[in-house]
Protein backbone atom coordinates (compact mmCIF):
# COMPACT_ATOMS: atom_id res chain seq x y z
CA UNK A 1 0.35 -0.27 0.24
CA UNK A 2 0.63 3.27 -0.72
CA UNK A 3 2.68 5.31 2.50
CA UNK A 4 1.13 8.44 3.78
CA UNK A 5 2.93 10.74 2.14
CA UNK A 6 2.44 9.51 -1.36
CA UNK A 7 -1.84 10.38 -0.88
CA UNK A 8 -3.50 13.51 -1.74
CA UNK A 9 -3.66 14.71 1.03
CA UNK A 10 -7.46 15.78 0.61
CA UNK A 11 -8.40 12.43 -0.03
CA UNK A 12 -6.87 11.63 3.33
CA UNK A 13 -8.41 14.73 4.80
CA UNK A 14 -12.14 13.79 3.28
CA UNK A 15 -11.70 10.19 5.36
CA UNK A 16 -11.22 11.91 7.99
CA UNK A 17 -13.56 14.40 7.77
CA UNK A 18 -15.78 10.68 7.35
CA UNK A 19 -14.69 9.45 9.52
CA UNK A 20 -15.68 11.94 12.31
CA UNK A 21 -18.76 13.00 11.14
CA UNK A 22 -19.53 8.40 11.88
CA UNK A 23 -18.21 9.28 15.69
CA UNK A 24 -19.83 12.16 16.53
CA UNK A 25 -22.93 10.91 17.72
CA UNK A 26 -21.40 8.69 20.48
CA UNK A 27 -19.25 11.28 21.72
CA UNK A 28 -21.71 14.57 21.93
CA UNK A 29 -21.76 16.43 25.31
CA UNK A 30 -18.33 15.23 25.53
CA UNK A 31 -15.98 19.32 26.27
CA UNK A 32 -14.12 19.28 23.78
CA UNK A 33 -10.01 19.64 25.80
CA UNK A 34 -7.73 19.14 23.23
CA UNK A 35 -6.28 18.36 19.56
CA UNK A 36 -3.74 15.76 18.94
CA UNK A 37 -1.71 14.99 15.79
CA UNK A 38 0.12 12.37 16.17
CA UNK A 39 1.18 8.74 14.70
CA UNK A 40 3.04 9.45 12.05
CA UNK A 41 5.33 12.38 10.25
CA UNK A 42 1.67 14.90 10.58
CA UNK A 43 4.53 17.77 10.20
CA UNK A 44 4.79 16.26 6.83
CA UNK A 45 0.78 17.74 5.80
CA UNK A 46 0.13 21.18 5.13
CA UNK A 47 -0.24 23.59 7.29
CA UNK A 48 -4.47 23.83 6.00
CA UNK A 49 -5.36 20.31 6.10
CA UNK A 50 -3.75 20.31 9.29
CA UNK A 51 -6.65 23.71 9.71
CA UNK A 52 -9.08 22.46 8.63
CA UNK A 53 -8.89 18.72 10.55
CA UNK A 54 -9.34 20.64 13.70
CA UNK A 55 -11.53 23.02 12.37
CA UNK A 56 -14.42 20.18 11.73
CA UNK A 57 -13.02 19.06 15.07
CA UNK A 58 -13.45 22.35 17.11
CA UNK A 59 -16.83 22.54 14.52
CA UNK A 60 -18.92 18.81 16.16
CA UNK A 61 -18.49 19.44 19.18
CA UNK A 62 -18.41 22.94 20.22
CA UNK A 63 -15.47 25.52 21.58
CA UNK A 64 -12.21 26.38 21.99
CA UNK A 65 -9.43 23.08 22.96
CA UNK A 66 -7.13 23.96 26.01
CA UNK A 67 -4.08 23.03 23.84
CA UNK A 68 -3.57 21.89 20.36
CA UNK A 69 -0.42 19.80 19.98
CA UNK A 70 1.91 18.36 16.90
CA UNK A 71 4.08 15.92 16.83
CA UNK A 72 7.45 16.83 14.17
CA UNK A 73 10.27 15.64 13.02
CA UNK A 74 13.43 18.15 13.84
CA UNK A 75 14.27 18.48 10.41
CA UNK A 76 9.98 19.71 9.42
CA UNK A 77 11.15 23.13 11.91
CA UNK A 78 11.24 25.19 9.25
CA UNK A 79 10.36 28.43 10.32
CA UNK A 80 8.20 28.70 7.12
CA UNK A 81 6.17 25.56 8.54
CA UNK A 82 7.06 26.59 12.88
CA UNK A 83 4.56 30.30 11.27
CA UNK A 84 1.68 28.17 9.01
CA UNK A 85 1.68 25.65 12.84
CA UNK A 86 0.90 28.47 14.21
CA UNK A 87 -2.07 29.96 12.18
CA UNK A 88 -3.66 27.06 11.76
CA UNK A 89 -4.48 27.12 14.91
CA UNK A 90 -1.52 24.37 17.14
CA UNK A 91 0.05 25.93 20.22
CA UNK A 92 2.18 23.46 21.44
CA UNK A 93 5.23 21.21 19.36
CA UNK A 94 7.02 17.62 20.56
CA UNK A 95 9.73 17.52 19.34
CA UNK A 96 11.20 13.89 18.51
CA UNK A 97 14.91 15.04 18.66
CA UNK A 98 15.60 11.68 20.04
CA UNK A 99 19.45 12.38 20.98
CA UNK A 100 22.70 15.77 20.25
CA UNK A 101 24.71 13.03 19.92
CA UNK A 102 25.32 12.21 15.96
CA UNK A 103 25.96 8.82 17.40
CA UNK A 104 23.25 7.38 18.96
CA UNK A 105 21.15 9.10 15.95
CA UNK A 106 22.66 6.86 13.62
CA UNK A 107 22.32 4.10 15.49
CA UNK A 108 18.78 4.64 15.99
CA UNK A 109 18.31 5.22 12.91
CA UNK A 110 17.05 9.31 11.96
CA UNK A 111 16.83 11.27 9.67
CA UNK A 112 18.80 14.09 11.00
CA UNK A 113 21.63 15.11 11.50
CA UNK A 114 23.70 16.57 15.04
CA UNK A 115 22.54 19.64 16.04
CA UNK A 116 19.02 20.57 14.00
CA UNK A 117 16.89 19.82 17.35
CA UNK A 118 18.98 22.06 19.06
CA UNK A 119 17.93 24.37 16.05
CA UNK A 120 14.58 23.28 15.82
CA UNK A 121 14.11 23.81 19.45
CA UNK A 122 15.67 27.40 18.76
CA UNK A 123 13.51 28.12 15.91
CA UNK A 124 10.19 26.93 17.16
CA UNK A 125 11.36 29.60 20.68
CA UNK A 126 11.32 32.20 18.13
CA UNK A 127 8.55 31.69 16.03
CA UNK A 128 6.58 32.09 19.58
CA UNK A 129 5.71 27.98 20.44
CA UNK A 130 6.39 28.17 24.66
CA UNK A 131 4.36 25.16 24.77
CA UNK A 132 7.17 22.72 23.59
CA UNK A 133 8.30 19.29 24.89
CA UNK A 134 11.69 17.17 23.07
CA UNK A 135 11.66 13.24 23.51
CA UNK A 136 15.06 11.94 24.24
CA UNK A 137 15.41 7.84 23.72
CA UNK A 138 17.79 6.36 26.53
CA UNK A 139 20.20 3.36 25.84
CA UNK A 140 21.24 3.95 21.93
CA UNK A 141 23.36 1.12 21.16
CA UNK A 142 27.42 2.41 22.03
CA UNK A 143 26.07 5.91 23.48
CA UNK A 144 29.76 7.18 25.61
CA UNK A 145 27.47 9.84 26.83
CA UNK A 146 24.10 9.04 29.11
CA UNK A 147 23.25 12.34 30.04
CA UNK A 148 24.79 14.79 27.62
CA UNK A 149 21.31 15.00 25.97
CA UNK A 150 20.00 15.53 28.27
CA UNK A 151 21.25 17.80 30.25
CA UNK A 152 21.94 20.05 27.88
CA UNK A 153 17.96 20.42 27.31
CA UNK A 154 17.53 21.03 30.60
CA UNK A 155 20.85 23.40 30.93
CA UNK A 156 18.39 24.89 27.56
CA UNK A 157 14.96 24.80 30.09
CA UNK A 158 12.62 23.05 27.40
CA UNK A 159 8.96 23.32 29.46
CA UNK A 160 8.40 19.11 28.58
CA UNK A 161 10.87 16.26 28.31
CA UNK A 162 9.78 13.15 27.50
CA UNK A 163 12.66 10.22 28.54
CA UNK A 164 12.41 7.05 27.49
CA UNK A 165 14.02 4.14 27.48
CA UNK A 166 15.13 2.72 24.05
CA UNK A 167 12.91 -1.19 22.60
CA UNK A 168 13.88 -2.72 20.08
CA UNK A 169 10.56 -3.83 18.71
CA UNK A 170 10.13 -5.96 16.50
CA UNK A 171 9.78 -5.93 12.68
CA UNK A 172 11.74 -2.60 12.32
CA UNK A 173 15.87 -2.29 10.65
CA UNK A 174 17.26 -2.08 14.60
CA UNK A 175 15.70 -5.58 15.91
CA UNK A 176 16.96 -7.06 12.47
CA UNK A 177 20.48 -5.64 13.82
CA UNK A 178 20.07 -7.44 16.89
CA UNK A 179 18.90 -10.46 15.48
CA UNK A 180 22.58 -10.96 13.22
CA UNK A 181 24.20 -10.13 15.95
CA UNK A 182 25.28 -6.64 14.72
CA UNK A 183 23.65 -4.42 17.88
CA UNK A 184 23.91 -5.41 21.09
CA UNK A 185 21.23 -3.49 23.41
CA UNK A 186 21.70 -2.58 26.70
CA UNK A 187 21.56 -4.04 29.98
CA UNK A 188 17.75 -4.32 32.34
CA UNK A 189 20.53 -2.57 34.13
CA UNK A 190 21.77 -0.31 32.39
CA UNK A 191 19.12 1.12 31.50
CA UNK A 192 18.23 1.27 34.73
CA UNK A 193 21.03 3.31 36.15
CA UNK A 194 20.87 5.67 32.98
CA UNK A 195 16.58 6.07 34.22
CA UNK A 196 17.48 7.13 38.48
CA UNK A 197 20.74 9.22 36.64
CA UNK A 198 18.37 11.66 34.03
CA UNK A 199 15.96 11.40 36.75
CA UNK A 200 18.41 12.72 39.54
CA UNK A 201 19.65 15.34 36.76
CA UNK A 202 16.01 17.37 35.66
CA UNK A 203 15.08 17.33 39.64
CA UNK A 204 18.08 19.20 40.04
CA UNK A 205 17.62 21.95 37.04
CA UNK A 206 14.09 22.54 38.45
CA UNK A 207 11.82 19.50 36.64
CA UNK A 208 8.34 17.95 38.66
CA UNK A 209 7.87 14.57 36.99
CA UNK A 210 4.47 13.21 36.87
CA UNK A 211 4.42 10.96 34.48
CA UNK A 212 6.58 7.23 34.26
CA UNK A 213 8.82 9.66 31.10
CA UNK A 214 7.92 12.95 31.71
CA UNK A 215 9.02 15.98 33.23
CA UNK A 216 7.56 20.09 33.27
CA UNK A 217 8.96 22.83 34.08
CA UNK A 218 6.60 24.71 36.33
CA UNK A 219 3.05 25.07 34.66
CA UNK A 220 4.05 23.13 31.81
CA UNK A 221 1.94 19.49 31.63
CA UNK A 222 0.84 17.86 28.41
CA UNK A 223 -2.46 18.74 28.65
CA UNK A 224 -3.27 16.06 26.35
CA UNK A 225 -1.10 13.26 28.07
CA UNK A 226 -2.23 13.78 31.67
CA UNK A 227 -5.71 13.30 29.66
CA UNK A 228 -5.34 9.65 28.70
CA UNK A 229 -3.48 8.92 32.24
CA UNK A 230 -6.36 9.78 34.49
CA UNK A 231 -8.59 7.62 31.69
CA UNK A 232 -10.96 9.93 29.65
CA UNK A 233 -12.99 8.87 26.95
CA UNK A 234 -11.40 10.06 23.28
CA UNK A 235 -10.96 10.11 19.81
CA UNK A 236 -8.73 9.16 17.10
CA UNK A 237 -9.26 9.36 13.66
CA UNK A 238 -7.14 7.97 11.03
CA UNK A 239 -4.95 5.26 10.13
CA UNK A 240 -3.99 2.88 13.42
CA UNK A 241 -5.88 5.66 15.74
CA UNK A 242 -7.19 4.35 19.17
CA UNK A 243 -11.10 5.56 20.94
CA UNK A 244 -11.98 4.51 23.93
CA UNK A 245 -15.70 5.19 24.66
CA UNK A 246 -18.24 4.76 27.94
CA UNK A 247 -20.87 2.43 27.66
CA UNK A 248 -22.30 1.85 31.02
CA UNK A 249 -19.99 0.28 34.06
CA UNK A 250 -17.79 0.09 31.18
CA UNK A 251 -16.61 0.63 28.26
CA UNK A 252 -15.61 -0.29 24.91
CA UNK A 253 -11.25 0.58 23.03
CA UNK A 254 -11.03 0.71 19.29
CA UNK A 255 -8.26 0.73 16.64
CA UNK A 256 -8.01 1.50 13.19
CA UNK A 257 -6.43 0.28 10.66
CA UNK A 258 -2.86 0.32 10.42
CA UNK A 259 -1.83 0.30 6.76
CA UNK A 260 -3.53 3.60 4.96
CA UNK A 261 -4.28 2.20 2.26
CA UNK A 262 -6.74 -0.05 3.88
CA UNK A 263 -7.93 3.01 5.61
CA UNK A 264 -8.91 4.41 2.86
CA UNK A 265 -11.36 1.10 1.28
CA UNK A 266 -12.85 0.76 3.90
CA UNK A 267 -16.42 2.73 4.82
CA UNK A 268 -15.92 5.15 6.83
CA UNK A 269 -18.50 3.24 9.79
CA UNK A 270 -16.41 0.43 8.35
CA UNK A 271 -12.09 1.34 9.63
CA UNK A 272 -11.92 -0.27 13.17
CA UNK A 273 -9.65 -2.95 12.79
CA UNK A 274 -9.53 -4.27 16.83
CA UNK A 275 -12.42 -4.07 19.09
CA UNK A 276 -12.45 -4.26 22.96
CA UNK A 277 -15.38 -4.67 25.16
CA UNK A 278 -14.85 -3.50 28.71
CA UNK A 279 -16.21 -4.37 31.82
CA UNK A 280 -16.50 -2.90 35.13
CA UNK A 281 -13.90 -4.71 36.58
CA UNK A 282 -11.45 -3.67 32.75
CA UNK A 283 -12.23 0.02 33.49
CA UNK A 284 -10.26 -0.02 37.35
CA UNK A 285 -7.62 -1.85 36.38
CA UNK A 286 -6.66 0.91 33.74
CA UNK A 287 -7.84 3.28 36.17
CA UNK A 288 -5.09 2.12 38.59
CA UNK A 289 -2.00 1.07 35.97
CA UNK A 290 -2.81 4.46 34.39
CA UNK A 291 -2.70 6.90 38.09
CA UNK A 292 0.40 4.63 38.67
CA UNK A 293 2.25 6.07 36.15
CA UNK A 294 1.68 9.18 37.44
CA UNK A 295 2.90 10.89 40.42
CA UNK A 296 -0.71 12.19 41.66
CA UNK A 297 -0.81 8.58 41.93
CA UNK A 298 -5.15 6.92 42.41
CA UNK A 299 -7.14 7.05 45.67
CA UNK A 300 -6.74 4.58 47.86
CA UNK A 301 -10.12 2.84 48.36
CA UNK A 302 -10.07 1.65 44.47
CA UNK A 303 -6.78 -0.39 45.57
CA UNK A 304 -7.01 -4.08 45.82
CA UNK A 305 -5.51 -4.76 49.97
CA UNK A 306 -2.89 -7.76 48.30
CA UNK A 307 -1.85 -5.46 45.60
CA UNK A 308 -1.31 -2.34 48.48
CA UNK A 309 0.53 -5.29 50.23
CA UNK A 310 3.15 -5.84 47.36
CA UNK A 311 3.24 -2.63 46.31
CA UNK A 312 3.93 -0.42 49.52
CA UNK A 313 6.19 -3.94 51.05
CA UNK A 314 9.69 -4.67 50.55
CA UNK A 315 10.02 -3.96 46.75
CA UNK A 316 8.77 -0.67 47.64
CA UNK A 317 7.65 0.89 44.04
CA UNK A 318 4.42 2.44 46.02
CA UNK A 319 3.51 4.81 49.45
CA UNK A 320 0.22 5.91 51.45
CA UNK A 321 0.74 9.24 51.05
CA UNK A 322 -3.08 10.51 52.05
CA UNK A 323 -5.81 9.13 51.27
CA UNK A 324 -4.21 7.85 47.18
CA UNK A 325 -1.67 5.46 47.42
CA UNK A 326 1.44 7.09 45.27
CA UNK A 327 4.13 5.81 43.37
CA UNK A 328 7.84 6.21 44.36
CA UNK A 329 11.10 6.19 41.81
CA UNK A 330 11.47 2.90 41.41
CA UNK A 331 7.84 2.31 41.06
CA UNK A 332 8.75 4.58 38.01
CA UNK A 333 11.37 2.34 36.56
CA UNK A 334 9.49 -0.82 36.92
CA UNK A 335 5.48 0.38 35.80
CA UNK A 336 5.66 -2.73 33.91
CA UNK A 337 5.89 -5.19 36.49
CA UNK A 338 3.57 -2.46 38.46
CA UNK A 339 1.22 -3.24 35.10
CA UNK A 340 1.43 -7.18 35.29
CA UNK A 341 0.64 -6.70 38.94
CA UNK A 342 -1.98 -5.43 38.31
CA UNK A 343 -3.33 -7.28 35.79
CA UNK A 344 -2.77 -10.59 37.26
CA UNK A 345 -4.64 -9.65 41.46
CA UNK A 346 -7.62 -7.02 39.11
CA UNK A 347 -8.99 -10.50 37.44
CA UNK A 348 -8.49 -13.21 39.85
CA UNK A 349 -10.86 -14.25 42.57
CA UNK A 350 -10.65 -11.60 46.09
CA UNK A 351 -8.46 -8.79 45.08
CA UNK A 352 -11.19 -6.48 46.24
CA UNK A 353 -10.81 -4.06 49.72
CA UNK A 354 -12.38 -4.87 53.04
């Protein structure tokens, strides 16, 4: 199937509008809080298409969102693009810096050269983007300067940083290189060490750690992501987009076909590739594990007794603060283990709190 950049933009925009009309009725009455242009390479889209897509969403739901974000590659952050995005109503930009070290970028297979990450940040500031974020990946194979990128961005007071540990996903060029023995990923212990080093560095530089991978200067938390961690409803439009809608005590999650060709070929009401019906237990588990990814944590009353004992015991993954259970740094570090335990205990018998 043809990649997105080879498909006429108006064709894709019309498909998104049609999908919006299909789902609008189910989401009526909800408050529009955030619009997020993400997934793939939205910065390749013409600014007029971005503006029309945002306008269609605003018209469908009414009101003005608190935040309109675009994900962008550094090479796309030209003065002309940035000005056009601002004109289109976008007020926050998330830049996929990944690393400031040329060696790391080569290992990660990135298409921008050393220096463009910083140039993109400065260009965004010059264009009036006071709300911005930079993505950084820790643990690039062979990396020799694990703190340099985060330290440099912190020194420049980038408002928001998303710091991720490298994961080797199947089907990617990096996965193939690892399988051939050409690249040796960092060990889990080494990744943990890098995480803690950068965590301390950012706290010392005035950043608030408010989610597993998210650090913000005062007042710079991401509205869109914070909504997701609170388990609110959301509507995703386009190829590969995911959505969540409450229904009674449960809800439904669905995701669209990832292939752009399949997405466009399907009727607007038949673009969902996967649909998951969720009952009350599913939503309870989601509320817990999503909440335990944030410093705000979850209500003590919502946490099964056995899970609470495990979290606050020798594993030291969470602590009780008043009426809430909040993760420790170790809880953030081992969030995948927390997720596995939450799912195990929330769906086992006798897990309700007494």
